[in-house]
Amino acid sequence: MRALTESEVRESFVNATPAELDRLELPWWFDATLWDSLDYLGWTDPALPERGYLVADTSFGVVGAVLRLPKNRPMGRRALCNLCYTQHPSQGALLMVARRAGKAGLNHNTIGTYICTDLACSLYLRGLRRAVGGGMMPETLNPDARIHRLQDNVEDFLGRVLVDD
């Protein structure tokens, strides 16, 4: 992923209200981000643990989405991230929901998918982080193909957020 500026990140959110944008805080590690090891920028808000952010440089520009995480997180279930296909025990992958952009979002339409709770899919695929008690699903794809699949899955998810029905 190419390095993004703070203003690019802030201006990328297609489903955020003005109040959400005012409260948006970039992660404390933003200035030290290793962009070459990321396929998207993702973080959760330390002040609001039910809120996450996902920003990617897609074929339709830099797009960001505000995500909602569940308040009551299920215990004891394994879950599979639908972006990177990493299997996690218990609360390692959660259903994250994004309000759709435009009129659809104003009508409370949402889109959701299971995503790694720490939004670190890129690190799991590159072996820079390990899913404790879980891990990568056995498959025949090489690492580059897995990374390309992650990028496609992120772009698909953000494209579905953008579509205004």
Protein backbone atom coordinates (compact mmCIF):
# COMPACT_ATOMS: atom_id res chain seq x y z
CA MET A 1 0.00 0.00 0.00
CA ARG A 2 1.28 3.47 -0.73
CA ALA A 3 1.81 5.85 2.17
CA LEU A 4 -1.24 7.99 2.91
CA THR A 5 -1.24 11.42 4.48
CA GLU A 6 -3.38 12.32 7.47
CA SER A 7 -5.62 14.52 5.30
CA GLU A 8 -6.09 11.71 2.72
CA VAL A 9 -7.20 9.37 5.49
CA ARG A 10 -9.58 11.91 7.05
CA GLU A 11 -11.14 12.81 3.68
CA SER A 12 -11.56 9.18 2.60
CA PHE A 13 -14.49 8.21 4.84
CA VAL A 14 -17.57 7.76 2.69
CA ASN A 15 -19.99 6.72 5.44
CA ALA A 16 -19.02 9.02 8.31
CA THR A 17 -21.17 11.78 9.73
CA PRO A 18 -19.58 15.20 10.36
CA ALA A 19 -19.68 14.46 14.11
CA GLU A 20 -17.86 11.13 13.60
CA LEU A 21 -15.22 12.87 11.51
CA ASP A 22 -14.72 15.48 14.25
CA ARG A 23 -14.13 12.72 16.83
CA LEU A 24 -11.94 10.60 14.56
CA GLU A 25 -8.49 10.02 15.98
CA LEU A 26 -5.82 8.40 13.89
CA PRO A 27 -3.99 5.53 15.58
CA TRP A 28 -1.10 6.53 17.82
CA TRP A 29 1.26 4.61 15.52
CA PHE A 30 0.16 6.39 12.31
CA ASP A 31 3.45 8.28 11.83
CA ALA A 32 5.43 5.02 12.20
CA THR A 33 3.23 2.96 9.86
CA LEU A 34 5.15 0.45 7.73
CA TRP A 35 3.06 1.00 4.60
CA ASP A 36 4.87 -1.66 2.56
CA SER A 37 3.51 -4.37 4.85
CA LEU A 38 -0.13 -3.20 4.66
CA ASP A 39 -2.90 -3.76 2.16
CA TYR A 40 -5.23 -1.45 4.06
CA LEU A 41 -5.01 0.79 7.12
CA GLY A 42 -7.25 -0.48 9.90
CA TRP A 43 -7.62 0.34 13.59
CA THR A 44 -10.12 0.42 16.39
CA ASP A 45 -10.87 3.52 18.42
CA PRO A 46 -9.37 3.11 21.92
CA ALA A 47 -11.99 5.47 23.38
CA LEU A 48 -14.90 3.67 21.65
CA PRO A 49 -14.12 -0.06 21.36
CA GLU A 50 -17.27 -0.61 19.29
CA ARG A 51 -15.88 1.57 16.48
CA GLY A 52 -13.27 0.64 13.90
CA TYR A 53 -11.88 2.21 10.76
CA LEU A 54 -10.75 0.70 7.48
CA VAL A 55 -9.02 2.74 4.74
CA ALA A 56 -7.67 1.38 1.46
CA ASP A 57 -6.26 2.73 -1.78
CA THR A 58 -8.64 1.07 -4.25
CA SER A 59 -9.23 1.26 -7.98
CA PHE A 60 -11.90 3.89 -7.22
CA GLY A 61 -9.58 6.02 -5.07
CA VAL A 62 -8.77 6.14 -1.38
CA VAL A 63 -11.88 4.93 0.43
CA GLY A 64 -12.47 4.73 4.15
CA ALA A 65 -15.33 3.22 6.12
CA VAL A 66 -16.38 3.59 9.73
CA LEU A 67 -17.09 0.13 11.16
CA ARG A 68 -19.30 -0.90 14.03
CA LEU A 69 -18.19 -3.83 16.17
CA PRO A 70 -20.60 -5.76 18.38
CA LYS A 71 -21.00 -4.65 21.99
CA ASN A 72 -21.74 -8.16 23.23
CA ARG A 73 -19.01 -10.33 21.81
CA PRO A 74 -19.71 -14.05 21.60
CA MET A 75 -17.39 -16.27 23.63
CA GLY A 76 -16.13 -19.70 22.74
CA ARG A 77 -16.75 -19.65 18.99
CA ARG A 78 -14.13 -19.93 16.31
CA ALA A 79 -14.51 -17.45 13.48
CA LEU A 80 -12.96 -17.03 10.07
CA CYS A 81 -12.04 -13.60 8.70
CA ASN A 82 -13.74 -13.13 5.33
CA LEU A 83 -10.97 -10.82 4.13
CA CYS A 84 -7.80 -12.86 4.79
CA TYR A 85 -9.21 -16.28 5.76
CA THR A 86 -7.38 -16.39 9.09
CA GLN A 87 -9.13 -18.58 11.65
CA HIS A 88 -9.39 -17.15 15.16
CA PRO A 89 -10.64 -18.58 18.43
CA SER A 90 -13.33 -16.81 20.43
CA GLN A 91 -13.31 -13.04 19.69
CA GLY A 92 -10.46 -12.89 17.12
CA ALA A 93 -12.78 -12.27 14.16
CA LEU A 94 -16.05 -10.41 14.58
CA LEU A 95 -18.92 -9.34 12.40
CA MET A 96 -18.15 -5.71 11.56
CA VAL A 97 -20.87 -3.59 10.04
CA ALA A 98 -20.51 -0.43 7.96
CA ARG A 99 -23.29 2.00 7.20
CA ARG A 100 -23.69 2.37 3.42
CA ALA A 101 -22.72 5.64 1.77
CA GLY A 102 -25.22 8.22 0.54
CA LYS A 103 -28.99 7.86 0.65
CA ALA A 104 -28.78 4.14 1.49
CA GLY A 105 -26.82 4.96 4.64
CA LEU A 106 -29.30 7.64 5.61
CA ASN A 107 -31.96 4.92 5.41
CA HIS A 108 -29.89 2.86 7.88
CA ASN A 109 -28.77 0.31 5.29
CA THR A 110 -25.61 -1.51 6.31
CA ILE A 111 -23.21 -4.10 5.01
CA GLY A 112 -21.25 -6.47 7.19
CA THR A 113 -18.60 -9.17 7.10
CA TYR A 114 -16.36 -11.04 9.53
CA ILE A 115 -13.01 -9.27 9.90
CA CYS A 116 -10.01 -9.86 12.17
CA THR A 117 -10.84 -7.95 15.36
CA ASP A 118 -7.44 -6.22 15.36
CA LEU A 119 -7.80 -5.35 11.64
CA ALA A 120 -4.34 -6.83 11.01
CA CYS A 121 -5.10 -9.10 8.06
CA SER A 122 -2.02 -7.89 6.17
CA LEU A 123 0.24 -8.89 9.05
CA TYR A 124 -1.28 -12.36 9.34
CA LEU A 125 -0.77 -13.04 5.62
CA ARG A 126 2.83 -11.89 5.73
CA GLY A 127 3.67 -13.90 8.85
CA LEU A 128 4.31 -10.73 10.89
CA ARG A 129 1.58 -11.62 13.38
CA ARG A 130 0.28 -15.00 14.46
CA ALA A 131 -3.29 -15.85 15.36
CA VAL A 132 -2.93 -17.50 18.76
CA GLY A 133 -5.09 -20.59 18.91
CA GLY A 134 -6.01 -20.26 15.25
CA GLY A 135 -4.08 -19.55 12.10
CA MET A 136 -4.17 -19.61 8.36
CA MET A 137 -6.42 -22.11 6.67
CA PRO A 138 -4.51 -24.77 4.71
CA GLU A 139 -4.63 -23.94 1.03
CA THR A 140 -2.53 -24.21 -2.10
CA LEU A 141 -2.30 -20.49 -2.93
CA ASN A 142 1.14 -18.93 -2.68
CA PRO A 143 1.61 -15.88 -0.39
CA ASP A 144 1.43 -13.36 -3.26
CA ALA A 145 -1.89 -14.81 -4.43
CA ARG A 146 -3.26 -14.65 -0.86
CA ILE A 147 -2.25 -10.99 -0.61
CA HIS A 148 -3.90 -10.26 -3.96
CA ARG A 149 -7.07 -12.03 -2.75
CA LEU A 150 -7.07 -9.89 0.43
CA GLN A 151 -6.79 -6.73 -1.66
CA ASP A 152 -9.68 -7.90 -3.86
CA ASN A 153 -11.81 -8.75 -0.81
CA VAL A 154 -11.15 -5.34 0.79
CA GLU A 155 -11.99 -3.56 -2.46
CA ASP A 156 -15.17 -5.61 -2.81
CA PHE A 157 -16.25 -4.79 0.74
CA LEU A 158 -15.57 -1.06 0.32
CA GLY A 159 -17.30 -1.10 -3.08
CA ARG A 160 -20.41 -2.52 -1.43
CA VAL A 161 -20.24 0.29 1.15
CA LEU A 162 -20.04 2.83 -1.66
CA VAL A 163 -22.96 1.54 -3.72
CA ASP A 164 -25.93 3.83 -3.16
CA ASP A 165 -29.12 1.94 -4.00
